[in-house]
Amino acid sequence: MFFFIVAVSGFFLGIKKHSGGMILPESKKGTSAELSDFLPLDSLQNNANRFITEYLKESNPSEIDRIDVRPDKGMVKFTFKSNFYEVQLDGATGSLLQIDLRRSDVIEKIHDGSIVDYYLGLESGVFKLIYTIVMSLALMLFSITGFWLWYGPKRMRKS
């Protein structure tokens, strides 16, 4: 069952940029590709917090996980720790370009087992560590024994 989950989630992660925005939201374009035209990050962060708070109708702003600055697109992308949404802002004006769900983050957490840590609130990532070790050792064992089951009879026939 775990190998099936890894295979299916790996497939979706492999096609995320070619899913037409279904798995990973497409990056929008801002008004200026000049980094010198961008607003300061703290202003953009305040805007992102305001937009996500209004969108999700929450009273407290979400804690920011990552800030992805894309000067070539004139856009700054904010992702959050407590949810799977992203806010894309125009870097020069601070206006909202898009708020969308990052399904790829959910799929990635399923793929590497950290979804269990996320829902149990385990900051250490202990489940992900154990899951990764067990799955990688099992895959190596299956590969070695599979090769031997294929190669062994060939060797026996030759002798």
Protein backbone atom coordinates (compact mmCIF):
# COMPACT_ATOMS: atom_id res chain seq x y z
CA MET A 1 0.00 0.00 0.00
CA PHE A 2 2.82 2.44 0.89
CA PHE A 3 4.63 1.82 -2.41
CA PHE A 4 1.39 2.48 -4.29
CA ILE A 5 1.00 5.79 -2.42
CA VAL A 6 4.60 6.75 -3.20
CA ALA A 7 4.15 5.82 -6.87
CA VAL A 8 0.88 7.72 -7.36
CA SER A 9 2.01 10.80 -5.44
CA GLY A 10 5.35 10.73 -7.29
CA PHE A 11 3.47 10.71 -10.59
CA PHE A 12 1.44 13.76 -9.61
CA LEU A 13 4.55 15.59 -8.37
CA GLY A 14 6.25 14.84 -11.67
CA ILE A 15 3.47 16.48 -13.69
CA LYS A 16 2.64 19.33 -11.30
CA LYS A 17 4.04 22.11 -13.52
CA HIS A 18 2.15 20.74 -16.52
CA SER A 19 -1.23 20.34 -14.82
CA GLY A 20 -2.72 23.63 -15.96
CA GLY A 21 -2.82 25.00 -12.43
CA MET A 22 -4.70 22.03 -10.95
CA ILE A 23 -1.80 20.78 -8.81
CA LEU A 24 0.52 23.78 -8.64
CA PRO A 25 -0.98 27.24 -9.20
CA GLU A 26 0.42 28.97 -12.26
CA SER A 27 2.65 31.97 -11.57
CA LYS A 28 1.04 35.25 -12.55
CA LYS A 29 2.94 38.22 -13.95
CA GLY A 30 3.35 41.52 -12.13
CA THR A 31 3.78 44.98 -13.59
CA SER A 32 7.57 45.31 -13.38
CA ALA A 33 10.44 42.85 -13.78
CA GLU A 34 12.90 45.32 -12.18
CA LEU A 35 13.78 44.33 -8.64
CA SER A 36 14.49 47.98 -7.82
CA ASP A 37 10.78 48.72 -8.42
CA PHE A 38 9.66 46.15 -5.83
CA LEU A 39 8.16 47.26 -2.53
CA PRO A 40 10.03 46.30 0.66
CA LEU A 41 9.40 42.71 1.76
CA ASP A 42 7.79 43.80 5.05
CA SER A 43 5.16 45.80 3.12
CA LEU A 44 4.52 42.87 0.82
CA GLN A 45 4.31 40.55 3.82
CA ASN A 46 1.72 42.79 5.48
CA ASN A 47 -0.32 42.76 2.27
CA ALA A 48 -0.06 38.98 1.97
CA ASN A 49 -1.19 38.53 5.59
CA ARG A 50 -4.10 40.88 5.05
CA PHE A 51 -5.22 39.14 1.85
CA ILE A 52 -4.99 35.60 3.27
CA THR A 53 -6.75 36.64 6.49
CA GLU A 54 -9.62 38.18 4.51
CA TYR A 55 -9.78 35.24 2.10
CA LEU A 56 -9.88 32.57 4.81
CA LYS A 57 -11.97 34.75 7.14
CA GLU A 58 -9.54 34.20 10.00
CA SER A 59 -8.93 36.57 12.88
CA ASN A 60 -5.18 35.89 13.20
CA PRO A 61 -2.75 36.11 10.31
CA SER A 62 -1.13 32.86 9.19
CA GLU A 63 2.56 32.36 9.86
CA ILE A 64 4.59 32.66 6.68
CA ASP A 65 6.62 29.60 5.69
CA ARG A 66 8.39 30.82 2.53
CA ILE A 67 8.72 33.92 0.43
CA ASP A 68 9.53 33.27 -3.22
CA VAL A 69 10.67 36.38 -5.10
CA ARG A 70 10.37 36.09 -8.89
CA PRO A 71 11.89 39.24 -10.40
CA ASP A 72 11.53 37.92 -13.97
CA LYS A 73 7.77 37.66 -13.44
CA GLY A 74 7.45 40.80 -11.30
CA MET A 75 5.82 38.71 -8.60
CA VAL A 76 6.35 37.66 -4.98
CA LYS A 77 4.78 34.42 -3.71
CA PHE A 78 4.01 33.78 -0.02
CA THR A 79 3.28 30.32 1.37
CA PHE A 80 2.05 29.64 4.88
CA LYS A 81 2.77 27.08 7.61
CA SER A 82 -0.77 26.56 8.88
CA ASN A 83 -2.49 25.99 5.54
CA PHE A 84 -1.74 24.99 1.97
CA TYR A 85 -2.51 28.33 0.31
CA GLU A 86 -0.24 30.70 -1.54
CA VAL A 87 -0.64 34.42 -2.11
CA GLN A 88 0.90 35.95 -5.22
CA LEU A 89 1.46 39.70 -5.14
CA ASP A 90 2.66 42.18 -7.71
CA GLY A 91 6.14 43.04 -6.43
CA ALA A 92 5.97 46.67 -7.52
CA THR A 93 2.44 47.61 -6.43
CA GLY A 94 1.71 45.06 -3.68
CA SER A 95 -1.63 44.28 -5.29
CA LEU A 96 -3.10 40.80 -5.21
CA LEU A 97 -2.49 38.69 -8.29
CA GLN A 98 -3.86 35.39 -7.00
CA ILE A 99 -4.72 33.32 -3.94
CA ASP A 100 -4.85 29.60 -4.61
CA LEU A 101 -4.53 26.22 -2.94
CA ARG A 102 -1.16 24.50 -3.39
CA ARG A 103 -2.28 20.91 -3.87
CA SER A 104 1.33 20.04 -4.68
CA ASP A 105 2.31 20.73 -1.06
CA VAL A 106 -0.35 18.29 0.17
CA ILE A 107 0.78 15.67 -2.35
CA GLU A 108 4.43 16.20 -1.36
CA LYS A 109 3.57 15.70 2.32
CA ILE A 110 1.71 12.49 1.45
CA HIS A 111 4.65 11.35 -0.71
CA ASP A 112 7.28 11.77 2.00
CA GLY A 113 5.09 10.83 4.98
CA SER A 114 5.28 14.24 6.63
CA ILE A 115 1.48 14.58 6.39
CA VAL A 116 1.30 12.48 9.59
CA ASP A 117 3.74 14.83 11.34
CA TYR A 118 1.73 17.82 10.07
CA TYR A 119 -1.62 16.59 11.42
CA LEU A 120 -0.14 15.32 14.70
CA GLY A 121 1.78 18.58 15.17
CA LEU A 122 5.14 16.84 15.41
CA GLU A 123 7.73 19.53 14.69
CA SER A 124 10.62 17.04 14.84
CA GLY A 125 9.45 15.16 11.74
CA VAL A 126 9.99 11.82 13.46
CA PHE A 127 7.33 9.99 11.42
CA LYS A 128 8.76 11.27 8.14
CA LEU A 129 12.23 10.10 9.19
CA ILE A 130 11.06 6.59 10.13
CA TYR A 131 8.83 6.34 7.04
CA THR A 132 11.66 7.42 4.72
CA ILE A 133 14.15 4.99 6.24
CA VAL A 134 11.76 2.04 6.13
CA MET A 135 10.57 2.78 2.58
CA SER A 136 14.08 3.30 1.19
CA LEU A 137 15.45 0.15 2.83
CA ALA A 138 12.47 -1.87 1.58
CA LEU A 139 12.89 -0.52 -1.95
CA MET A 140 16.60 -1.39 -1.93
CA LEU A 141 15.81 -4.89 -0.64
CA PHE A 142 13.09 -5.41 -3.27
CA SER A 143 15.46 -4.21 -6.01
CA ILE A 144 18.26 -6.55 -4.94
CA THR A 145 16.01 -9.58 -4.48
CA GLY A 146 14.17 -8.81 -7.73
CA PHE A 147 17.45 -8.67 -9.61
CA TRP A 148 18.57 -11.93 -8.02
CA LEU A 149 15.26 -13.65 -8.91
CA TRP A 150 15.79 -12.55 -12.52
CA TYR A 151 19.53 -13.24 -12.77
CA GLY A 152 19.74 -16.42 -10.66
CA PRO A 153 17.81 -18.71 -13.04
CA LYS A 154 19.79 -17.33 -16.03
CA ARG A 155 23.04 -18.19 -14.27
CA MET A 156 21.79 -21.65 -13.33
CA ARG A 157 20.74 -22.41 -16.94
CA LYS A 158 24.19 -21.49 -18.26
CA SER A 159 25.93 -23.84 -15.86
